Amino acid sequence: MNTSPSGIHPRHGLDEVIHAPVRFSIVATLAAADKAEFGFVRDTVEVSDSVLSRQVATLEKAGYVAVTKGYVGKRPRTWLALTPDGRAAFAAHCQALRAIADTAADR
């Protein structure tokens, strides 16, 4: 049963940048806040600093994540935030996932 109005499977709505499990987890974490400190995201997603840095670089290059560096006292800090494009892409990706699940449930 095809439930998409255009006859195209909803998987075509998935965002390949966000779809990778670690990047999806990062974006989902950031979607819940205006911004989050790098260490918080690292610990929440349960990855190393280097893995998070590489994945954030990919998301930043896509225009989905903004990276801000600063200090708290004398300690350097990095904050991550979804851009408006990142929020829109995450919402569309989640909608595509729901559509895929709904299609499977309709069978």
N, C-alpha and C. Protein backbone atom coordinates (compact mmCIF):
# COMPACT_ATOMS: atom_id res chain seq x y z
N MET A 1 0.84 -1.18 0.00
CA MET A 1 0.00 0.00 0.00
C MET A 1 0.89 1.24 0.00
N ASN A 2 0.71 2.11 -0.94
CA ASN A 2 1.49 3.32 -1.04
C ASN A 2 0.68 4.47 -0.46
N THR A 3 1.20 5.08 0.63
CA THR A 3 0.44 6.14 1.28
C THR A 3 0.97 7.52 0.95
N SER A 4 2.08 7.62 0.21
CA SER A 4 2.57 8.96 -0.12
C SER A 4 1.80 9.47 -1.33
N PRO A 5 1.39 10.75 -1.28
CA PRO A 5 0.54 11.28 -2.34
C PRO A 5 1.22 11.31 -3.70
N SER A 6 2.53 11.44 -3.76
CA SER A 6 3.21 11.55 -5.04
C SER A 6 3.62 10.18 -5.58
N GLY A 7 3.40 9.11 -4.82
CA GLY A 7 3.80 7.79 -5.26
C GLY A 7 5.28 7.52 -5.02
N ILE A 8 5.96 8.39 -4.31
CA ILE A 8 7.38 8.23 -4.02
C ILE A 8 7.51 7.78 -2.57
N HIS A 9 8.35 6.76 -2.36
CA HIS A 9 8.53 6.25 -1.01
C HIS A 9 9.06 7.34 -0.08
N PRO A 10 8.58 7.38 1.16
CA PRO A 10 8.99 8.44 2.09
C PRO A 10 10.49 8.42 2.43
N ARG A 11 11.18 7.33 2.13
CA ARG A 11 12.63 7.30 2.43
C ARG A 11 13.38 8.38 1.67
N HIS A 12 12.80 8.85 0.57
CA HIS A 12 13.45 9.90 -0.21
C HIS A 12 13.47 11.23 0.55
N GLY A 13 12.70 11.32 1.62
CA GLY A 13 12.69 12.52 2.45
C GLY A 13 13.74 12.50 3.54
N LEU A 14 14.46 11.38 3.69
CA LEU A 14 15.51 11.30 4.71
C LEU A 14 16.69 12.18 4.31
N ASP A 15 17.28 12.82 5.29
CA ASP A 15 18.44 13.67 5.07
C ASP A 15 19.70 12.84 5.32
N GLU A 16 20.49 12.62 4.31
CA GLU A 16 21.68 11.76 4.42
C GLU A 16 22.69 12.31 5.42
N VAL A 17 22.75 13.62 5.59
CA VAL A 17 23.68 14.20 6.56
C VAL A 17 23.24 13.85 7.98
N ILE A 18 21.96 13.97 8.25
CA ILE A 18 21.43 13.72 9.59
C ILE A 18 21.26 12.23 9.87
N HIS A 19 21.06 11.43 8.84
CA HIS A 19 20.68 10.02 9.02
C HIS A 19 21.72 9.17 9.75
N ALA A 20 23.00 9.50 9.66
CA ALA A 20 24.03 8.72 10.37
C ALA A 20 23.70 8.74 11.87
N PRO A 21 23.78 7.58 12.53
CA PRO A 21 23.32 7.49 13.92
C PRO A 21 23.93 8.52 14.89
N VAL A 22 25.22 8.76 14.80
CA VAL A 22 25.83 9.72 15.73
C VAL A 22 25.35 11.13 15.40
N ARG A 23 25.31 11.48 14.13
CA ARG A 23 24.84 12.83 13.77
C ARG A 23 23.37 13.01 14.13
N PHE A 24 22.56 11.98 13.93
CA PHE A 24 21.15 12.05 14.32
C PHE A 24 21.06 12.30 15.83
N SER A 25 21.86 11.60 16.61
CA SER A 25 21.84 11.77 18.07
C SER A 25 22.27 13.18 18.47
N ILE A 26 23.27 13.72 17.79
CA ILE A 26 23.74 15.08 18.07
C ILE A 26 22.63 16.08 17.78
N VAL A 27 22.03 15.97 16.61
CA VAL A 27 20.98 16.91 16.22
C VAL A 27 19.77 16.78 17.15
N ALA A 28 19.42 15.57 17.53
CA ALA A 28 18.29 15.38 18.45
C ALA A 28 18.59 16.02 19.80
N THR A 29 19.81 15.90 20.27
CA THR A 29 20.20 16.52 21.54
C THR A 29 20.11 18.03 21.43
N LEU A 30 20.60 18.58 20.34
CA LEU A 30 20.59 20.04 20.17
C LEU A 30 19.18 20.58 19.92
N ALA A 31 18.30 19.75 19.38
CA ALA A 31 16.93 20.20 19.10
C ALA A 31 16.18 20.54 20.39
N ALA A 32 16.63 19.99 21.49
CA ALA A 32 15.94 20.19 22.77
C ALA A 32 16.37 21.46 23.49
N ALA A 33 17.31 22.22 22.91
CA ALA A 33 17.84 23.40 23.60
C ALA A 33 18.20 24.48 22.59
N ASP A 34 18.39 25.69 23.10
CA ASP A 34 18.89 26.77 22.24
C ASP A 34 20.34 26.53 21.87
N LYS A 35 21.12 26.08 22.87
CA LYS A 35 22.52 25.74 22.65
C LYS A 35 22.95 24.78 23.75
N ALA A 36 24.05 24.07 23.50
CA ALA A 36 24.55 23.11 24.49
C ALA A 36 26.07 23.13 24.45
N GLU A 37 26.66 22.93 25.60
CA GLU A 37 28.12 22.90 25.71
C GLU A 37 28.64 21.59 25.11
N PHE A 38 29.77 21.66 24.44
CA PHE A 38 30.38 20.53 23.76
C PHE A 38 30.45 19.29 24.66
N GLY A 39 30.92 19.46 25.87
CA GLY A 39 31.06 18.33 26.80
C GLY A 39 29.73 17.69 27.14
N PHE A 40 28.68 18.49 27.26
CA PHE A 40 27.36 17.95 27.53
C PHE A 40 26.90 17.07 26.37
N VAL A 41 27.07 17.57 25.15
CA VAL A 41 26.66 16.80 23.97
C VAL A 41 27.49 15.52 23.88
N ARG A 42 28.78 15.63 24.08
CA ARG A 42 29.68 14.46 24.05
C ARG A 42 29.19 13.40 25.02
N ASP A 43 28.91 13.80 26.25
CA ASP A 43 28.50 12.84 27.27
C ASP A 43 27.10 12.28 27.00
N THR A 44 26.21 13.11 26.49
CA THR A 44 24.84 12.67 26.19
C THR A 44 24.83 11.65 25.06
N VAL A 45 25.63 11.91 24.03
CA VAL A 45 25.66 11.04 22.85
C VAL A 45 26.61 9.86 23.06
N GLU A 46 27.44 9.95 24.09
CA GLU A 46 28.38 8.89 24.46
C GLU A 46 29.40 8.60 23.37
N VAL A 47 30.12 9.67 22.96
CA VAL A 47 31.20 9.55 22.00
C VAL A 47 32.42 10.28 22.55
N SER A 48 33.56 10.08 21.90
CA SER A 48 34.78 10.76 22.30
C SER A 48 34.79 12.18 21.74
N ASP A 49 35.70 13.00 22.25
CA ASP A 49 35.85 14.36 21.74
C ASP A 49 36.12 14.36 20.25
N SER A 50 37.01 13.47 19.80
CA SER A 50 37.39 13.47 18.39
C SER A 50 36.22 13.06 17.49
N VAL A 51 35.45 12.07 17.93
CA VAL A 51 34.28 11.65 17.14
C VAL A 51 33.28 12.80 17.06
N LEU A 52 33.00 13.43 18.20
CA LEU A 52 32.05 14.54 18.20
C LEU A 52 32.55 15.67 17.31
N SER A 53 33.83 15.99 17.40
CA SER A 53 34.39 17.07 16.57
C SER A 53 34.21 16.79 15.09
N ARG A 54 34.50 15.56 14.67
CA ARG A 54 34.35 15.22 13.24
C ARG A 54 32.90 15.30 12.79
N GLN A 55 32.01 14.79 13.61
CA GLN A 55 30.59 14.79 13.23
C GLN A 55 30.01 16.21 13.23
N VAL A 56 30.42 17.02 14.20
CA VAL A 56 29.97 18.41 14.25
C VAL A 56 30.51 19.17 13.03
N ALA A 57 31.73 18.89 12.61
CA ALA A 57 32.28 19.54 11.42
C ALA A 57 31.43 19.25 10.19
N THR A 58 30.97 18.02 10.06
CA THR A 58 30.10 17.65 8.95
C THR A 58 28.77 18.40 9.03
N LEU A 59 28.19 18.46 10.21
CA LEU A 59 26.93 19.17 10.39
C LEU A 59 27.10 20.68 10.18
N GLU A 60 28.23 21.21 10.60
CA GLU A 60 28.51 22.63 10.42
C GLU A 60 28.68 22.95 8.93
N LYS A 61 29.39 22.10 8.22
CA LYS A 61 29.59 22.29 6.78
C LYS A 61 28.25 22.28 6.03
N ALA A 62 27.31 21.46 6.49
CA ALA A 62 25.99 21.39 5.88
C ALA A 62 25.12 22.59 6.26
N GLY A 63 25.58 23.39 7.21
CA GLY A 63 24.81 24.54 7.65
C GLY A 63 23.78 24.22 8.72
N TYR A 64 23.91 23.05 9.35
CA TYR A 64 22.93 22.61 10.34
C TYR A 64 23.30 22.96 11.78
N VAL A 65 24.58 23.15 12.04
CA VAL A 65 25.04 23.43 13.39
C VAL A 65 25.96 24.65 13.38
N ALA A 66 25.77 25.53 14.36
CA ALA A 66 26.66 26.67 14.57
C ALA A 66 27.54 26.37 15.78
N VAL A 67 28.82 26.66 15.64
CA VAL A 67 29.79 26.43 16.71
C VAL A 67 30.27 27.78 17.21
N THR A 68 30.19 27.98 18.52
CA THR A 68 30.63 29.23 19.14
C THR A 68 31.67 28.89 20.20
N LYS A 69 32.79 29.60 20.17
CA LYS A 69 33.84 29.38 21.17
C LYS A 69 33.92 30.60 22.07
N GLY A 70 34.22 30.35 23.33
CA GLY A 70 34.32 31.43 24.30
C GLY A 70 34.96 30.92 25.58
N TYR A 71 34.79 31.68 26.63
CA TYR A 71 35.38 31.32 27.92
C TYR A 71 34.34 31.40 29.01
N VAL A 72 34.50 30.53 29.99
CA VAL A 72 33.79 30.61 31.25
C VAL A 72 34.89 30.79 32.27
N GLY A 73 35.00 32.01 32.79
CA GLY A 73 36.17 32.33 33.60
C GLY A 73 37.40 32.29 32.69
N LYS A 74 38.36 31.50 33.05
CA LYS A 74 39.56 31.36 32.23
C LYS A 74 39.55 30.06 31.42
N ARG A 75 38.47 29.33 31.50
CA ARG A 75 38.40 28.04 30.82
C ARG A 75 37.73 28.17 29.46
N PRO A 76 38.39 27.68 28.41
CA PRO A 76 37.78 27.73 27.08
C PRO A 76 36.58 26.79 27.00
N ARG A 77 35.56 27.21 26.29
CA ARG A 77 34.35 26.41 26.10
C ARG A 77 33.91 26.51 24.65
N THR A 78 33.23 25.45 24.22
CA THR A 78 32.64 25.42 22.89
C THR A 78 31.17 25.09 23.05
N TRP A 79 30.32 25.92 22.41
CA TRP A 79 28.89 25.69 22.44
C TRP A 79 28.41 25.32 21.05
N LEU A 80 27.43 24.46 21.00
CA LEU A 80 26.84 24.00 19.74
C LEU A 80 25.37 24.38 19.74
N ALA A 81 24.88 24.75 18.57
CA ALA A 81 23.46 25.10 18.44
C ALA A 81 22.99 24.73 17.04
N LEU A 82 21.75 24.29 16.94
CA LEU A 82 21.17 24.07 15.62
C LEU A 82 20.87 25.42 14.98
N THR A 83 21.14 25.52 13.71
CA THR A 83 20.75 26.70 12.95
C THR A 83 19.27 26.53 12.58
N PRO A 84 18.63 27.58 12.08
CA PRO A 84 17.26 27.41 11.60
C PRO A 84 17.17 26.33 10.51
N ASP A 85 18.16 26.27 9.62
CA ASP A 85 18.17 25.22 8.60
C ASP A 85 18.31 23.84 9.24
N GLY A 86 19.11 23.75 10.30
CA GLY A 86 19.28 22.49 11.01
C GLY A 86 18.00 22.03 11.67
N ARG A 87 17.29 22.97 12.27
CA ARG A 87 15.99 22.62 12.91
C ARG A 87 14.99 22.15 11.86
N ALA A 88 14.95 22.85 10.73
CA ALA A 88 14.02 22.47 9.66
C ALA A 88 14.39 21.10 9.09
N ALA A 89 15.68 20.86 8.89
CA ALA A 89 16.13 19.56 8.35
C ALA A 89 15.81 18.43 9.32
N PHE A 90 16.00 18.67 10.62
CA PHE A 90 15.70 17.65 11.62
C PHE A 90 14.21 17.34 11.64
N ALA A 91 13.38 18.39 11.58
CA ALA A 91 11.93 18.19 11.57
C ALA A 91 11.50 17.39 10.34
N ALA A 92 12.05 17.72 9.18
CA ALA A 92 11.71 17.01 7.95
C ALA A 92 12.19 15.56 7.99
N HIS A 93 13.38 15.34 8.56
CA HIS A 93 13.92 13.99 8.67
C HIS A 93 13.02 13.14 9.59
N CYS A 94 12.63 13.71 10.72
CA CYS A 94 11.74 12.98 11.65
C CYS A 94 10.40 12.70 11.00
N GLN A 95 9.89 13.63 10.22
CA GLN A 95 8.62 13.43 9.51
C GLN A 95 8.77 12.27 8.52
N ALA A 96 9.90 12.20 7.82
CA ALA A 96 10.13 11.10 6.88
C ALA A 96 10.21 9.76 7.62
N LEU A 97 10.87 9.74 8.77
CA LEU A 97 10.94 8.51 9.56
C LEU A 97 9.55 8.06 9.99
N ARG A 98 8.73 9.02 10.43
CA ARG A 98 7.35 8.68 10.85
C ARG A 98 6.55 8.14 9.66
N ALA A 99 6.73 8.76 8.51
CA ALA A 99 6.01 8.31 7.31
C ALA A 99 6.42 6.89 6.92
N ILE A 100 7.70 6.58 7.05
CA ILE A 100 8.17 5.22 6.76
C ILE A 100 7.54 4.24 7.75
N ALA A 101 7.54 4.62 9.03
CA ALA A 101 6.95 3.73 10.05
C ALA A 101 5.46 3.56 9.81
N ASP A 102 4.78 4.64 9.45
CA ASP A 102 3.35 4.56 9.19
C ASP A 102 3.04 3.70 7.98
N THR A 103 3.88 3.78 6.96
CA THR A 103 3.70 2.96 5.77
C THR A 103 3.82 1.48 6.12
N ALA A 104 4.80 1.15 6.95
CA ALA A 104 4.98 -0.23 7.38
C ALA A 104 3.80 -0.70 8.23
N ALA A 105 3.28 0.18 9.07
CA ALA A 105 2.16 -0.18 9.94
C ALA A 105 0.87 -0.40 9.15
N ASP A 106 0.76 0.25 7.99
CA ASP A 106 -0.44 0.13 7.16
C ASP A 106 -0.51 -1.20 6.42
N ARG A 107 0.56 -1.93 6.40
CA ARG A 107 0.59 -3.19 5.62
C ARG A 107 -0.07 -4.31 6.36
